[in-house]
Structure formats: C-alpha cells, structure tokens
Amino acid sequence: MTEKRVMEYLSGYTNMRELSLRAAPPDWKYQLSLHLENKIGGERQVDFMDVSKLSHKEIGGGITQFMLLKIEDVSKYQLDRIKYKISEIEHGRISFSCQAFKISN
C-alpha cells in the first residue's frame, strides 16, 4: 500500500482509543499498537514493528486526537532497521520510526 493510500485509509480515524508498546524476547524489538476510532465508532488498528526513536507529547488527560498521521517511506536512505517514519504532523503529538506496519479493521 502506498503512503498516500495508507493516509487515505486512516483519514477520519482521529480519536486514539488505545496505544500500547511492548517488547518480546529473543530480539527485544518493540511493537507499537495504535487503535483509532472515527466519529461514528468505526475502528482501525495499526501495528508498527521494530519501533525506534519514539517521541510523544500531550497524550492523555481526555481524548487524544491524531489529526493527520503521516507514514513516510524512508527506505531509500538505507537506515539500519528503519523503513518508515511516522508522525502526527498537525500537533506533533507522536513520532517514531519502524521497520514495518500492518493495518486492520
């Protein structure tokens, strides 16, 4: 799925219902799961694998919204274990890098 198609697929799913981060042996790579909802209760789940450089701000204290979640393919830069850069570009609430991701309803 192209970057544009991913952003279109997630468009309107702005309310963060759940965010979880976990690591598991033997490689201890982090996986971040993000559950998003739209205004009428539809859901999308995005799982990001091998997460690094995680940064966040202003999450919690009520509903947290990711207004424009951008997924950028940075594989052309040949960074070690980093293929995508993810960021919420309207308010800068979250940003990180990852090796892969999977979207499900």
PDB file of N, CA and C in Angstrom:
ATOM      1  N   MET A   1       0.848  -1.173   0.000  1.00  0.00           N
ATOM      2  CA  MET A   1       0.000   0.000   0.000  1.00  0.00           C
ATOM      3  C   MET A   1       0.895   1.238   0.000  1.00  0.00           C
ATOM      4  N   THR A   2       0.617   2.174  -0.865  1.00  0.00           N
ATOM      5  CA  THR A   2       1.431   3.386  -0.952  1.00  0.00           C
ATOM      6  C   THR A   2       1.155   4.309   0.237  1.00  0.00           C
ATOM      7  N   GLU A   3       2.072   5.236   0.462  1.00  0.00           N
ATOM      8  CA  GLU A   3       1.911   6.195   1.560  1.00  0.00           C
ATOM      9  C   GLU A   3       0.588   6.943   1.445  1.00  0.00           C
ATOM     10  N   LYS A   4       0.265   7.393   0.250  1.00  0.00           N
ATOM     11  CA  LYS A   4      -0.971   8.149   0.028  1.00  0.00           C
ATOM     12  C   LYS A   4      -2.193   7.296   0.342  1.00  0.00           C
ATOM     13  N   ARG A   5      -2.205   6.035  -0.094  1.00  0.00           N
ATOM     14  CA  ARG A   5      -3.342   5.149   0.172  1.00  0.00           C
ATOM     15  C   ARG A   5      -3.495   4.874   1.664  1.00  0.00           C
ATOM     16  N   VAL A   6      -2.373   4.717   2.362  1.00  0.00           N
ATOM     17  CA  VAL A   6      -2.428   4.492   3.806  1.00  0.00           C
ATOM     18  C   VAL A   6      -3.048   5.696   4.494  1.00  0.00           C
ATOM     19  N   MET A   7      -2.586   6.897   4.142  1.00  0.00           N
ATOM     20  CA  MET A   7      -3.128   8.105   4.759  1.00  0.00           C
ATOM     21  C   MET A   7      -4.610   8.265   4.449  1.00  0.00           C
ATOM     22  N   GLU A   8      -5.040   7.927   3.232  1.00  0.00           N
ATOM     23  CA  GLU A   8      -6.457   7.987   2.879  1.00  0.00           C
ATOM     24  C   GLU A   8      -7.259   6.970   3.693  1.00  0.00           C
ATOM     25  N   TYR A   9      -6.712   5.776   3.868  1.00  0.00           N
ATOM     26  CA  TYR A   9      -7.390   4.715   4.610  1.00  0.00           C
ATOM     27  C   TYR A   9      -7.574   5.096   6.085  1.00  0.00           C
ATOM     28  N   LEU A  10      -6.615   5.820   6.629  1.00  0.00           N
ATOM     29  CA  LEU A  10      -6.699   6.239   8.033  1.00  0.00           C
ATOM     30  C   LEU A  10      -7.405   7.581   8.209  1.00  0.00           C
ATOM     31  N   SER A  11      -7.697   8.281   7.111  1.00  0.00           N
ATOM     32  CA  SER A  11      -8.349   9.583   7.179  1.00  0.00           C
ATOM     33  C   SER A  11      -9.681   9.488   7.919  1.00  0.00           C
ATOM     34  N   GLY A  12      -9.892  10.384   8.852  1.00  0.00           N
ATOM     35  CA  GLY A  12     -11.129  10.402   9.631  1.00  0.00           C
ATOM     36  C   GLY A  12     -11.041   9.586  10.912  1.00  0.00           C
ATOM     37  N   TYR A  13     -10.038   8.737  11.036  1.00  0.00           N
ATOM     38  CA  TYR A  13      -9.836   7.938  12.246  1.00  0.00           C
ATOM     39  C   TYR A  13      -8.847   8.695  13.130  1.00  0.00           C
ATOM     40  N   THR A  14      -9.361   9.665  13.857  1.00  0.00           N
ATOM     41  CA  THR A  14      -8.503  10.604  14.579  1.00  0.00           C
ATOM     42  C   THR A  14      -8.466  10.371  16.084  1.00  0.00           C
ATOM     43  N   ASN A  15      -9.456   9.697  16.649  1.00  0.00           N
ATOM     44  CA  ASN A  15      -9.507   9.514  18.097  1.00  0.00           C
ATOM     45  C   ASN A  15      -8.681   8.304  18.516  1.00  0.00           C
ATOM     46  N   MET A  16      -7.701   8.528  19.386  1.00  0.00           N
ATOM     47  CA  MET A  16      -6.892   7.432  19.875  1.00  0.00           C
ATOM     48  C   MET A  16      -7.619   6.738  21.005  1.00  0.00           C
ATOM     49  N   ARG A  17      -7.965   5.483  20.791  1.00  0.00           N
ATOM     50  CA  ARG A  17      -8.636   4.704  21.823  1.00  0.00           C
ATOM     51  C   ARG A  17      -7.624   3.946  22.680  1.00  0.00           C
ATOM     52  N   GLU A  18      -6.554   3.480  22.046  1.00  0.00           N
ATOM     53  CA  GLU A  18      -5.544   2.721  22.792  1.00  0.00           C
ATOM     54  C   GLU A  18      -4.194   2.840  22.100  1.00  0.00           C
ATOM     55  N   LEU A  19      -3.161   2.916  22.915  1.00  0.00           N
ATOM     56  CA  LEU A  19      -1.789   2.894  22.424  1.00  0.00           C
ATOM     57  C   LEU A  19      -1.022   1.955  23.348  1.00  0.00           C
ATOM     58  N   SER A  20      -0.370   0.947  22.782  1.00  0.00           N
ATOM     59  CA  SER A  20       0.414   0.037  23.613  1.00  0.00           C
ATOM     60  C   SER A  20       1.776  -0.194  22.964  1.00  0.00           C
ATOM     61  N   LEU A  21       2.758  -0.382  23.829  1.00  0.00           N
ATOM     62  CA  LEU A  21       4.133  -0.615  23.391  1.00  0.00           C
ATOM     63  C   LEU A  21       4.635  -1.832  24.145  1.00  0.00           C
ATOM     64  N   ARG A  22       5.178  -2.799  23.416  1.00  0.00           N
ATOM     65  CA  ARG A  22       5.680  -3.997  24.080  1.00  0.00           C
ATOM     66  C   ARG A  22       6.920  -4.528  23.354  1.00  0.00           C
ATOM     67  N   ALA A  23       7.735  -5.230  24.105  1.00  0.00           N
ATOM     68  CA  ALA A  23       8.924  -5.885  23.550  1.00  0.00           C
ATOM     69  C   ALA A  23       8.896  -7.340  23.997  1.00  0.00           C
ATOM     70  N   ALA A  24       9.441  -8.208  23.159  1.00  0.00           N
ATOM     71  CA  ALA A  24       9.424  -9.631  23.485  1.00  0.00           C
ATOM     72  C   ALA A  24      10.754 -10.273  23.094  1.00  0.00           C
ATOM     73  N   PRO A  25      11.175 -11.256  23.892  1.00  0.00           N
ATOM     74  CA  PRO A  25      12.385 -11.982  23.533  1.00  0.00           C
ATOM     75  C   PRO A  25      12.142 -12.811  22.277  1.00  0.00           C
ATOM     76  N   PRO A  26      13.104 -13.235  21.555  1.00  0.00           N
ATOM     77  CA  PRO A  26      14.526 -13.154  21.905  1.00  0.00           C
ATOM     78  C   PRO A  26      15.193 -11.876  21.416  1.00  0.00           C
ATOM     79  N   ASP A  27      14.574 -11.136  20.508  1.00  0.00           N
ATOM     80  CA  ASP A  27      15.254  -9.973  19.919  1.00  0.00           C
ATOM     81  C   ASP A  27      14.942  -8.662  20.633  1.00  0.00           C
ATOM     82  N   TRP A  28      13.920  -8.627  21.479  1.00  0.00           N
ATOM     83  CA  TRP A  28      13.529  -7.453  22.246  1.00  0.00           C
ATOM     84  C   TRP A  28      13.217  -6.234  21.388  1.00  0.00           C
ATOM     85  N   LYS A  29      12.686  -6.482  20.201  1.00  0.00           N
ATOM     86  CA  LYS A  29      12.253  -5.373  19.346  1.00  0.00           C
ATOM     87  C   LYS A  29      10.877  -4.908  19.802  1.00  0.00           C
ATOM     88  N   TYR A  30      10.660  -3.608  19.777  1.00  0.00           N
ATOM     89  CA  TYR A  30       9.395  -3.050  20.233  1.00  0.00           C
ATOM     90  C   TYR A  30       8.340  -3.070  19.139  1.00  0.00           C
ATOM     91  N   GLN A  31       7.101  -3.376  19.550  1.00  0.00           N
ATOM     92  CA  GLN A  31       5.943  -3.269  18.671  1.00  0.00           C
ATOM     93  C   GLN A  31       4.981  -2.275  19.303  1.00  0.00           C
ATOM     94  N   LEU A  32       4.531  -1.306  18.517  1.00  0.00           N
ATOM     95  CA  LEU A  32       3.577  -0.316  18.971  1.00  0.00           C
ATOM     96  C   LEU A  32       2.246  -0.584  18.277  1.00  0.00           C
ATOM     97  N   SER A  33       1.188  -0.720  19.059  1.00  0.00           N
ATOM     98  CA  SER A  33      -0.160  -0.903  18.503  1.00  0.00           C
ATOM     99  C   SER A  33      -0.967   0.348  18.779  1.00  0.00           C
ATOM    100  N   LEU A  34      -1.629   0.829  17.753  1.00  0.00           N
ATOM    101  CA  LEU A  34      -2.417   2.045  17.834  1.00  0.00           C
ATOM    102  C   LEU A  34      -3.831   1.734  17.362  1.00  0.00           C
ATOM    103  N   HIS A  35      -4.818   1.938  18.245  1.00  0.00           N
ATOM    104  CA  HIS A  35      -6.221   1.726  17.908  1.00  0.00           C
ATOM    105  C   HIS A  35      -6.869   3.098  17.738  1.00  0.00           C
ATOM    106  N   LEU A  36      -7.402   3.353  16.557  1.00  0.00           N
ATOM    107  CA  LEU A  36      -8.019   4.637  16.236  1.00  0.00           C
ATOM    108  C   LEU A  36      -9.498   4.457  15.942  1.00  0.00           C
ATOM    109  N   GLU A  37     -10.307   5.464  16.282  1.00  0.00           N
ATOM    110  CA  GLU A  37     -11.746   5.455  16.000  1.00  0.00           C
ATOM    111  C   GLU A  37     -12.121   6.700  15.212  1.00  0.00           C
ATOM    112  N   ASN A  38     -13.196   6.573  14.418  1.00  0.00           N
ATOM    113  CA  ASN A  38     -13.744   7.755  13.762  1.00  0.00           C
ATOM    114  C   ASN A  38     -14.950   8.242  14.568  1.00  0.00           C
ATOM    115  N   LYS A  39     -15.633   9.263  14.093  1.00  0.00           N
ATOM    116  CA  LYS A  39     -16.732   9.889  14.840  1.00  0.00           C
ATOM    117  C   LYS A  39     -17.941   8.985  15.010  1.00  0.00           C
ATOM    118  N   ILE A  40     -18.109   7.990  14.141  1.00  0.00           N
ATOM    119  CA  ILE A  40     -19.292   7.126  14.230  1.00  0.00           C
ATOM    120  C   ILE A  40     -18.954   5.748  14.811  1.00  0.00           C
ATOM    121  N   GLY A  41     -17.780   5.620  15.407  1.00  0.00           N
ATOM    122  CA  GLY A  41     -17.418   4.386  16.105  1.00  0.00           C
ATOM    123  C   GLY A  41     -16.673   3.352  15.274  1.00  0.00           C
ATOM    124  N   GLY A  42     -16.371   3.657  14.017  1.00  0.00           N
ATOM    125  CA  GLY A  42     -15.559   2.739  13.215  1.00  0.00           C
ATOM    126  C   GLY A  42     -14.141   2.692  13.757  1.00  0.00           C
ATOM    127  N   GLU A  43     -13.478   1.560  13.580  1.00  0.00           N
ATOM    128  CA  GLU A  43     -12.144   1.388  14.143  1.00  0.00           C
ATOM    129  C   GLU A  43     -11.120   0.968  13.102  1.00  0.00           C
ATOM    130  N   ARG A  44      -9.881   1.339  13.362  1.00  0.00           N
ATOM    131  CA  ARG A  44      -8.719   0.866  12.618  1.00  0.00           C
ATOM    132  C   ARG A  44      -7.634   0.569  13.650  1.00  0.00           C
ATOM    133  N   GLN A  45      -6.923  -0.509  13.440  1.00  0.00           N
ATOM    134  CA  GLN A  45      -5.776  -0.829  14.279  1.00  0.00           C
ATOM    135  C   GLN A  45      -4.548  -0.838  13.388  1.00  0.00           C
ATOM    136  N   VAL A  46      -3.490  -0.194  13.858  1.00  0.00           N
ATOM    137  CA  VAL A  46      -2.226  -0.184  13.141  1.00  0.00           C
ATOM    138  C   VAL A  46      -1.161  -0.734  14.081  1.00  0.00           C
ATOM    139  N   ASP A  47      -0.470  -1.773  13.622  1.00  0.00           N
ATOM    140  CA  ASP A  47       0.630  -2.360  14.382  1.00  0.00           C
ATOM    141  C   ASP A  47       1.934  -2.004  13.686  1.00  0.00           C
ATOM    142  N   PHE A  48       2.836  -1.395  14.437  1.00  0.00           N
ATOM    143  CA  PHE A  48       4.135  -0.980  13.918  1.00  0.00           C
ATOM    144  C   PHE A  48       5.197  -1.885  14.541  1.00  0.00           C
ATOM    145  N   MET A  49       6.035  -2.507  13.710  1.00  0.00           N
ATOM    146  CA  MET A  49       7.028  -3.442  14.191  1.00  0.00           C
ATOM    147  C   MET A  49       8.433  -2.835  14.187  1.00  0.00           C
ATOM    148  N   ASP A  50       9.216  -3.241  15.180  1.00  0.00           N
ATOM    149  CA  ASP A  50      10.605  -2.797  15.349  1.00  0.00           C
ATOM    150  C   ASP A  50      10.675  -1.273  15.448  1.00  0.00           C
ATOM    151  N   VAL A  51       9.981  -0.746  16.439  1.00  0.00           N
ATOM    152  CA  VAL A  51       9.855   0.702  16.649  1.00  0.00           C
ATOM    153  C   VAL A  51      11.107   1.261  17.322  1.00  0.00           C
ATOM    154  N   SER A  52      11.533   2.431  16.847  1.00  0.00           N
ATOM    155  CA  SER A  52      12.649   3.142  17.463  1.00  0.00           C
ATOM    156  C   SER A  52      12.371   4.647  17.408  1.00  0.00           C
ATOM    157  N   LYS A  53      13.151   5.406  18.159  1.00  0.00           N
ATOM    158  CA  LYS A  53      13.069   6.867  18.173  1.00  0.00           C
ATOM    159  C   LYS A  53      11.672   7.384  18.525  1.00  0.00           C
ATOM    160  N   LEU A  54      10.989   6.707  19.453  1.00  0.00           N
ATOM    161  CA  LEU A  54       9.639   7.105  19.850  1.00  0.00           C
ATOM    162  C   LEU A  54       9.669   8.387  20.668  1.00  0.00           C
ATOM    163  N   SER A  55       8.839   9.333  20.263  1.00  0.00           N
ATOM    164  CA  SER A  55       8.688  10.600  20.973  1.00  0.00           C
ATOM    165  C   SER A  55       7.200  10.941  21.012  1.00  0.00           C
ATOM    166  N   HIS A  56       6.721  11.420  22.145  1.00  0.00           N
ATOM    167  CA  HIS A  56       5.305  11.800  22.235  1.00  0.00           C
ATOM    168  C   HIS A  56       5.135  12.953  23.204  1.00  0.00           C
ATOM    169  N   LYS A  57       4.019  13.675  23.045  1.00  0.00           N
ATOM    170  CA  LYS A  57       3.682  14.766  23.948  1.00  0.00           C
ATOM    171  C   LYS A  57       2.173  14.969  23.931  1.00  0.00           C
ATOM    172  N   GLU A  58       1.662  15.535  25.008  1.00  0.00           N
ATOM    173  CA  GLU A  58       0.242  15.887  25.132  1.00  0.00           C
ATOM    174  C   GLU A  58      -0.683  14.710  24.829  1.00  0.00           C
ATOM    175  N   ILE A  59      -0.359  13.549  25.385  1.00  0.00           N
ATOM    176  CA  ILE A  59      -1.225  12.381  25.245  1.00  0.00           C
ATOM    177  C   ILE A  59      -1.855  12.115  26.606  1.00  0.00           C
ATOM    178  N   GLY A  60      -3.187  11.964  26.621  1.00  0.00           N
ATOM    179  CA  GLY A  60      -3.904  11.707  27.860  1.00  0.00           C
ATOM    180  C   GLY A  60      -4.599  12.954  28.373  1.00  0.00           C
ATOM    181  N   GLY A  61      -5.247  12.821  29.539  1.00  0.00           N
ATOM    182  CA  GLY A  61      -5.973  13.943  30.123  1.00  0.00           C
ATOM    183  C   GLY A  61      -7.267  14.233  29.389  1.00  0.00           C
ATOM    184  N   GLY A  62      -7.843  13.243  28.775  1.00  0.00           N
ATOM    185  CA  GLY A  62      -9.037  13.384  27.935  1.00  0.00           C
ATOM    186  C   GLY A  62      -8.764  12.713  26.607  1.00  0.00           C
ATOM    187  N   ILE A  63      -9.639  12.909  25.673  1.00  0.00           N
ATOM    188  CA  ILE A  63      -9.458  12.266  24.370  1.00  0.00           C
ATOM    189  C   ILE A  63      -8.231  12.839  23.652  1.00  0.00           C
ATOM    190  N   THR A  64      -7.428  11.970  23.103  1.00  0.00           N
ATOM    191  CA  THR A  64      -6.264  12.388  22.321  1.00  0.00           C
ATOM    192  C   THR A  64      -6.579  12.152  20.856  1.00  0.00           C
ATOM    193  N   GLN A  65      -6.354  13.159  20.054  1.00  0.00           N
ATOM    194  CA  GLN A  65      -6.622  13.052  18.620  1.00  0.00           C
ATOM    195  C   GLN A  65      -5.342  13.193  17.821  1.00  0.00           C
ATOM    196  N   PHE A  66      -5.200  12.327  16.836  1.00  0.00           N
ATOM    197  CA  PHE A  66      -4.132  12.429  15.851  1.00  0.00           C
ATOM    198  C   PHE A  66      -4.790  12.921  14.573  1.00  0.00           C
ATOM    199  N   MET A  67      -4.720  14.212  14.327  1.00  0.00           N
ATOM    200  CA  MET A  67      -5.460  14.820  13.224  1.00  0.00           C
ATOM    201  C   MET A  67      -4.914  14.427  11.857  1.00  0.00           C
ATOM    202  N   LEU A  68      -3.614  14.325  11.719  1.00  0.00           N
ATOM    203  CA  LEU A  68      -3.027  13.962  10.433  1.00  0.00           C
ATOM    204  C   LEU A  68      -1.815  13.076  10.682  1.00  0.00           C
ATOM    205  N   LEU A  69      -2.022  11.765  10.611  1.00  0.00           N
ATOM    206  CA  LEU A  69      -0.963  10.796  10.830  1.00  0.00           C
ATOM    207  C   LEU A  69      -0.284  10.512   9.501  1.00  0.00           C
ATOM    208  N   LYS A  70       0.999  10.821   9.426  1.00  0.00           N
ATOM    209  CA  LYS A  70       1.756  10.666   8.185  1.00  0.00           C
ATOM    210  C   LYS A  70       2.687   9.462   8.294  1.00  0.00           C
ATOM    211  N   ILE A  71       2.654   8.611   7.285  1.00  0.00           N
ATOM    212  CA  ILE A  71       3.563   7.475   7.201  1.00  0.00           C
ATOM    213  C   ILE A  71       4.429   7.695   5.968  1.00  0.00           C
ATOM    214  N   GLU A  72       5.725   7.866   6.194  1.00  0.00           N
ATOM    215  CA  GLU A  72       6.647   8.192   5.109  1.00  0.00           C
ATOM    216  C   GLU A  72       7.643   7.051   4.894  1.00  0.00           C
ATOM    217  N   ASP A  73       7.773   6.598   3.664  1.00  0.00           N
ATOM    218  CA  ASP A  73       8.748   5.562   3.312  1.00  0.00           C
ATOM    219  C   ASP A  73      10.122   6.212   3.210  1.00  0.00           C
ATOM    220  N   VAL A  74      11.029   5.820   4.102  1.00  0.00           N
ATOM    221  CA  VAL A  74      12.382   6.376   4.102  1.00  0.00           C
ATOM    222  C   VAL A  74      13.419   5.305   3.761  1.00  0.00           C
ATOM    223  N   SER A  75      12.976   4.221   3.143  1.00  0.00           N
ATOM    224  CA  SER A  75      13.874   3.109   2.832  1.00  0.00           C
ATOM    225  C   SER A  75      14.992   3.519   1.874  1.00  0.00           C
ATOM    226  N   LYS A  76      14.769   4.543   1.079  1.00  0.00           N
ATOM    227  CA  LYS A  76      15.795   4.976   0.125  1.00  0.00           C
ATOM    228  C   LYS A  76      17.061   5.476   0.824  1.00  0.00           C
ATOM    229  N   TYR A  77      16.946   5.831   2.119  1.00  0.00           N
ATOM    230  CA  TYR A  77      18.097   6.307   2.873  1.00  0.00           C
ATOM    231  C   TYR A  77      18.927   5.162   3.471  1.00  0.00           C
ATOM    232  N   GLN A  78      18.438   3.934   3.341  1.00  0.00           N
ATOM    233  CA  GLN A  78      19.117   2.714   3.791  1.00  0.00           C
ATOM    234  C   GLN A  78      19.561   2.797   5.249  1.00  0.00           C
ATOM    235  N   LEU A  79      18.667   3.234   6.113  1.00  0.00           N
ATOM    236  CA  LEU A  79      18.946   3.298   7.538  1.00  0.00           C
ATOM    237  C   LEU A  79      18.795   1.911   8.159  1.00  0.00           C
ATOM    238  N   ASP A  80      19.586   1.621   9.155  1.00  0.00           N
ATOM    239  CA  ASP A  80      19.560   0.315   9.801  1.00  0.00           C
ATOM    240  C   ASP A  80      18.226   0.079  10.505  1.00  0.00           C
ATOM    241  N   ARG A  81      17.482  -0.936  10.065  1.00  0.00           N
ATOM    242  CA  ARG A  81      16.197  -1.366  10.638  1.00  0.00           C
ATOM    243  C   ARG A  81      15.123  -0.288  10.599  1.00  0.00           C
ATOM    244  N   ILE A  82      15.270   0.730   9.765  1.00  0.00           N
ATOM    245  CA  ILE A  82      14.256   1.776   9.649  1.00  0.00           C
ATOM    246  C   ILE A  82      13.807   1.870   8.199  1.00  0.00           C
ATOM    247  N   LYS A  83      12.510   1.614   8.005  1.00  0.00           N
ATOM    248  CA  LYS A  83      11.946   1.711   6.660  1.00  0.00           C
ATOM    249  C   LYS A  83      10.899   2.823   6.561  1.00  0.00           C
ATOM    250  N   TYR A  84      10.244   3.131   7.686  1.00  0.00           N
ATOM    251  CA  TYR A  84       9.181   4.139   7.700  1.00  0.00           C
ATOM    252  C   TYR A  84       9.379   5.120   8.845  1.00  0.00           C
ATOM    253  N   LYS A  85       8.961   6.354   8.602  1.00  0.00           N
ATOM    254  CA  LYS A  85       8.914   7.375   9.645  1.00  0.00           C
ATOM    255  C   LYS A  85       7.447   7.764   9.798  1.00  0.00           C
ATOM    256  N   ILE A  86       6.966   7.727  11.015  1.00  0.00           N
ATOM    257  CA  ILE A  86       5.559   8.023  11.303  1.00  0.00           C
ATOM    258  C   ILE A  86       5.519   9.277  12.173  1.00  0.00           C
ATOM    259  N   SER A  87       4.605  10.183  11.845  1.00  0.00           N
ATOM    260  CA  SER A  87       4.462  11.391  12.653  1.00  0.00           C
ATOM    261  C   SER A  87       3.050  11.949  12.527  1.00  0.00           C
ATOM    262  N   GLU A  88       2.594  12.550  13.610  1.00  0.00           N
ATOM    263  CA  GLU A  88       1.333  13.287  13.608  1.00  0.00           C
ATOM    264  C   GLU A  88       1.748  14.724  13.342  1.00  0.00           C
ATOM    265  N   ILE A  89       1.458  15.197  12.143  1.00  0.00           N
ATOM    266  CA  ILE A  89       2.081  16.445  11.705  1.00  0.00           C
ATOM    267  C   ILE A  89       1.328  17.720  12.069  1.00  0.00           C
ATOM    268  N   GLU A  90       0.080  17.608  12.494  1.00  0.00           N
ATOM    269  CA  GLU A  90      -0.644  18.839  12.840  1.00  0.00           C
ATOM    270  C   GLU A  90      -0.235  19.390  14.205  1.00  0.00           C
ATOM    271  N   HIS A  91      -0.116  18.508  15.212  1.00  0.00           N
ATOM    272  CA  HIS A  91       0.220  18.948  16.569  1.00  0.00           C
ATOM    273  C   HIS A  91       1.530  18.350  17.072  1.00  0.00           C
ATOM    274  N   GLY A  92       2.147  17.444  16.315  1.00  0.00           N
ATOM    275  CA  GLY A  92       3.401  16.825  16.732  1.00  0.00           C
ATOM    276  C   GLY A  92       3.264  15.950  17.962  1.00  0.00           C
ATOM    277  N   ARG A  93       2.108  15.295  18.132  1.00  0.00           N
ATOM    278  CA  ARG A  93       1.858  14.518  19.348  1.00  0.00           C
ATOM    279  C   ARG A  93       2.653  13.218  19.427  1.00  0.00           C
ATOM    280  N   ILE A  94       3.017  12.653  18.276  1.00  0.00           N
ATOM    281  CA  ILE A  94       3.769  11.404  18.297  1.00  0.00           C
ATOM    282  C   ILE A  94       4.635  11.327  17.049  1.00  0.00           C
ATOM    283  N   SER A  95       5.803  10.727  17.207  1.00  0.00           N
ATOM    284  CA  SER A  95       6.660  10.449  16.056  1.00  0.00           C
ATOM    285  C   SER A  95       7.562   9.275  16.420  1.00  0.00           C
ATOM    286  N   PHE A  96       7.885   8.466  15.422  1.00  0.00           N
ATOM    287  CA  PHE A  96       8.779   7.321  15.613  1.00  0.00           C
ATOM    288  C   PHE A  96       9.147   6.754  14.256  1.00  0.00           C
ATOM    289  N   SER A  97      10.063   5.813  14.279  1.00  0.00           N
ATOM    290  CA  SER A  97      10.472   5.092  13.079  1.00  0.00           C
ATOM    291  C   SER A  97      10.165   3.619  13.291  1.00  0.00           C
ATOM    292  N   CYS A  98      10.035   2.871  12.191  1.00  0.00           N
ATOM    293  CA  CYS A  98       9.774   1.441  12.312  1.00  0.00           C
ATOM    294  C   CYS A  98      10.234   0.702  11.060  1.00  0.00           C
ATOM    295  N   GLN A  99      10.294  -0.620  11.189  1.00  0.00           N
ATOM    296  CA  GLN A  99      10.699  -1.478  10.084  1.00  0.00           C
ATOM    297  C   GLN A  99       9.506  -1.843   9.192  1.00  0.00           C
ATOM    298  N   ALA A 100       8.323  -2.046   9.803  1.00  0.00           N
ATOM    299  CA  ALA A 100       7.147  -2.477   9.049  1.00  0.00           C
ATOM    300  C   ALA A 100       5.888  -2.088   9.821  1.00  0.00           C
ATOM    301  N   PHE A 101       4.751  -2.129   9.126  1.00  0.00           N
ATOM    302  CA  PHE A 101       3.475  -1.892   9.791  1.00  0.00           C
ATOM    303  C   PHE A 101       2.376  -2.704   9.117  1.00  0.00           C
ATOM    304  N   LYS A 102       1.286  -2.913   9.866  1.00  0.00           N
ATOM    305  CA  LYS A 102       0.135  -3.664   9.371  1.00  0.00           C
ATOM    306  C   LYS A 102      -1.116  -2.953   9.853  1.00  0.00           C
ATOM    307  N   ILE A 103      -2.073  -2.746   8.935  1.00  0.00           N
ATOM    308  CA  ILE A 103      -3.328  -2.082   9.264  1.00  0.00           C
ATOM    309  C   ILE A 103      -4.459  -3.103   9.211  1.00  0.00           C
ATOM    310  N   SER A 104      -5.335  -3.068  10.212  1.00  0.00           N
ATOM    311  CA  SER A 104      -6.514  -3.942  10.205  1.00  0.00           C
ATOM    312  C   SER A 104      -7.704  -3.179  10.765  1.00  0.00           C
ATOM    313  N   ASN A 105      -8.915  -3.682  10.486  1.00  0.00           N
ATOM    314  CA  ASN A 105     -10.133  -3.034  10.992  1.00  0.00           C
ATOM    315  C   ASN A 105     -10.460  -3.619  12.344  1.00  0.00           C
TER     316      ASN A 105
END
